Amino acid sequence: GEVGRNFAAGMSGGVAYLLDPDGISRRRCNLEKSRLYALDLEDKELLQTMLKNHLLYTGSRQAASMLDNLEAYWGHFVKLVPNYYKKVMDTLRSPQLKTLPDEERLLAAFNAVIA
């Protein structure tokens, strides 16, 4: 379905993938604290897996059609990510934090972002 007005207002974490062939969803997103991104290879792999699972569990004809024509669909997807969430996720990938245990790494990333 279509994205409603003010989509992502109050969104503090996670990622939303939007299929937006006509650009309407982009205009309805609240981008005050979030940003839209083009898909990268990792996003495409994740979306393909999600579509395959959706097809497997629901038998969705739309998912089957999309999987048969993925190259035509890629340009119509956008990724919406809250700004602070992206900063924390980017910081978690930094080499300085990779050696820390998960809990310490997350806390260090959070503190680095809010500092």
Protein backbone atom coordinates (compact mmCIF):
# COMPACT_ATOMS: atom_id res chain seq x y z
CA GLY A 1 0.00 0.00 0.00
CA GLU A 2 0.91 3.63 -0.15
CA VAL A 3 2.94 5.38 2.51
CA GLY A 4 0.86 7.73 4.64
CA ARG A 5 1.55 11.38 5.29
CA ASN A 6 4.41 12.06 7.74
CA PHE A 7 5.92 8.57 7.43
CA ALA A 8 8.93 8.08 9.74
CA ALA A 9 7.96 10.84 12.19
CA GLY A 10 9.19 9.52 15.51
CA MET A 11 11.13 6.64 13.94
CA SER A 12 14.19 6.12 16.13
CA GLY A 13 15.69 2.90 14.83
CA GLY A 14 15.57 0.31 12.13
CA VAL A 15 15.39 0.59 8.36
CA ALA A 16 12.36 0.94 6.12
CA TYR A 17 12.55 -0.19 2.51
CA LEU A 18 10.00 1.55 0.32
CA LEU A 19 8.89 0.50 -3.14
CA ASP A 20 8.14 3.89 -4.65
CA PRO A 21 7.78 3.74 -8.45
CA ASP A 22 5.97 7.09 -8.74
CA GLY A 23 7.88 9.09 -6.09
CA ILE A 24 4.83 9.72 -3.90
CA SER A 25 6.30 7.94 -0.86
CA ARG A 26 9.43 10.08 -0.96
CA ARG A 27 7.31 13.22 -0.72
CA ARG A 28 5.30 11.84 2.22
CA CYS A 29 8.30 10.93 4.38
CA ASN A 30 9.17 13.09 7.34
CA LEU A 31 12.85 13.72 6.67
CA GLU A 32 13.45 15.96 9.66
CA LYS A 33 15.34 13.20 11.49
CA SER A 34 15.68 10.55 8.78
CA ARG A 35 17.16 10.31 5.31
CA LEU A 36 16.49 8.38 2.13
CA TYR A 37 19.26 6.35 0.50
CA ALA A 38 19.70 4.37 -2.69
CA LEU A 39 20.06 0.64 -2.20
CA ASP A 40 23.51 -0.88 -1.99
CA LEU A 41 24.41 -4.51 -2.74
CA GLU A 42 23.77 -5.60 0.87
CA ASP A 43 20.28 -4.02 0.77
CA LYS A 44 19.48 -5.76 -2.51
CA GLU A 45 20.54 -9.13 -1.11
CA LEU A 46 18.44 -8.58 2.01
CA LEU A 47 15.39 -7.48 0.02
CA GLN A 48 15.72 -10.44 -2.33
CA THR A 49 15.82 -12.80 0.67
CA MET A 50 12.80 -11.08 2.23
CA LEU A 51 10.86 -11.38 -1.03
CA LYS A 52 11.77 -15.06 -1.34
CA ASN A 53 10.60 -15.69 2.22
CA HIS A 54 7.40 -13.75 1.62
CA LEU A 55 6.71 -15.85 -1.47
CA LEU A 56 7.52 -19.05 0.40
CA TYR A 57 5.24 -18.26 3.35
CA THR A 58 2.36 -16.57 1.52
CA GLY A 59 2.44 -17.68 -2.12
CA SER A 60 2.23 -13.99 -3.08
CA ARG A 61 1.92 -13.52 -6.84
CA GLN A 62 3.28 -9.99 -6.46
CA ALA A 63 6.43 -11.27 -4.74
CA ALA A 64 6.85 -13.89 -7.48
CA SER A 65 6.50 -11.23 -10.17
CA MET A 66 8.98 -8.96 -8.43
CA LEU A 67 11.52 -11.78 -8.07
CA ASP A 68 11.16 -12.55 -11.78
CA ASN A 69 11.87 -8.89 -12.63
CA LEU A 70 14.13 -7.65 -9.85
CA GLU A 71 16.41 -5.64 -12.11
CA ALA A 72 13.42 -3.57 -13.21
CA TYR A 73 12.39 -2.96 -9.58
CA TRP A 74 15.71 -1.98 -8.00
CA GLY A 75 15.53 1.63 -9.16
CA HIS A 76 12.11 2.02 -7.56
CA PHE A 77 13.23 1.10 -4.04
CA VAL A 78 14.58 3.55 -1.48
CA LYS A 79 15.89 2.94 2.02
CA LEU A 80 14.82 5.21 4.86
CA VAL A 81 17.09 5.33 7.92
CA PRO A 82 16.86 7.54 11.03
CA ASN A 83 19.93 9.79 11.22
CA TYR A 84 21.10 8.76 14.71
CA TYR A 85 20.51 5.09 13.98
CA LYS A 86 22.73 5.36 10.88
CA LYS A 87 25.45 7.13 12.86
CA VAL A 88 25.42 4.40 15.52
CA MET A 89 25.47 1.63 12.89
CA ASP A 90 28.33 3.31 11.00
CA THR A 91 30.27 3.77 14.25
CA LEU A 92 29.77 0.09 15.14
CA ARG A 93 31.65 -0.82 11.96
CA SER A 94 34.70 1.23 12.93
CA PRO A 95 37.93 -0.76 13.41
CA GLN A 96 38.47 0.70 16.92
CA LEU A 97 35.26 -0.91 18.18
CA LYS A 98 35.46 -4.29 16.41
CA THR A 99 37.54 -5.85 19.19
CA LEU A 100 35.11 -4.98 21.99
CA PRO A 101 32.44 -7.38 23.25
CA ASP A 102 29.00 -6.64 21.74
CA GLU A 103 27.52 -4.82 24.75
CA GLU A 104 30.57 -2.62 25.21
CA ARG A 105 30.78 -1.97 21.48
CA LEU A 106 27.15 -0.82 21.33
CA LEU A 107 27.55 1.45 24.34
CA ALA A 108 30.78 2.91 22.94
CA ALA A 109 29.09 3.59 19.57
CA PHE A 110 26.10 5.20 21.25
CA ASN A 111 28.34 7.39 23.42
CA ALA A 112 30.44 8.41 20.42
CA VAL A 113 27.33 9.50 18.51
CA ILE A 114 25.72 11.50 21.31
CA ALA A 115 28.99 13.13 22.44
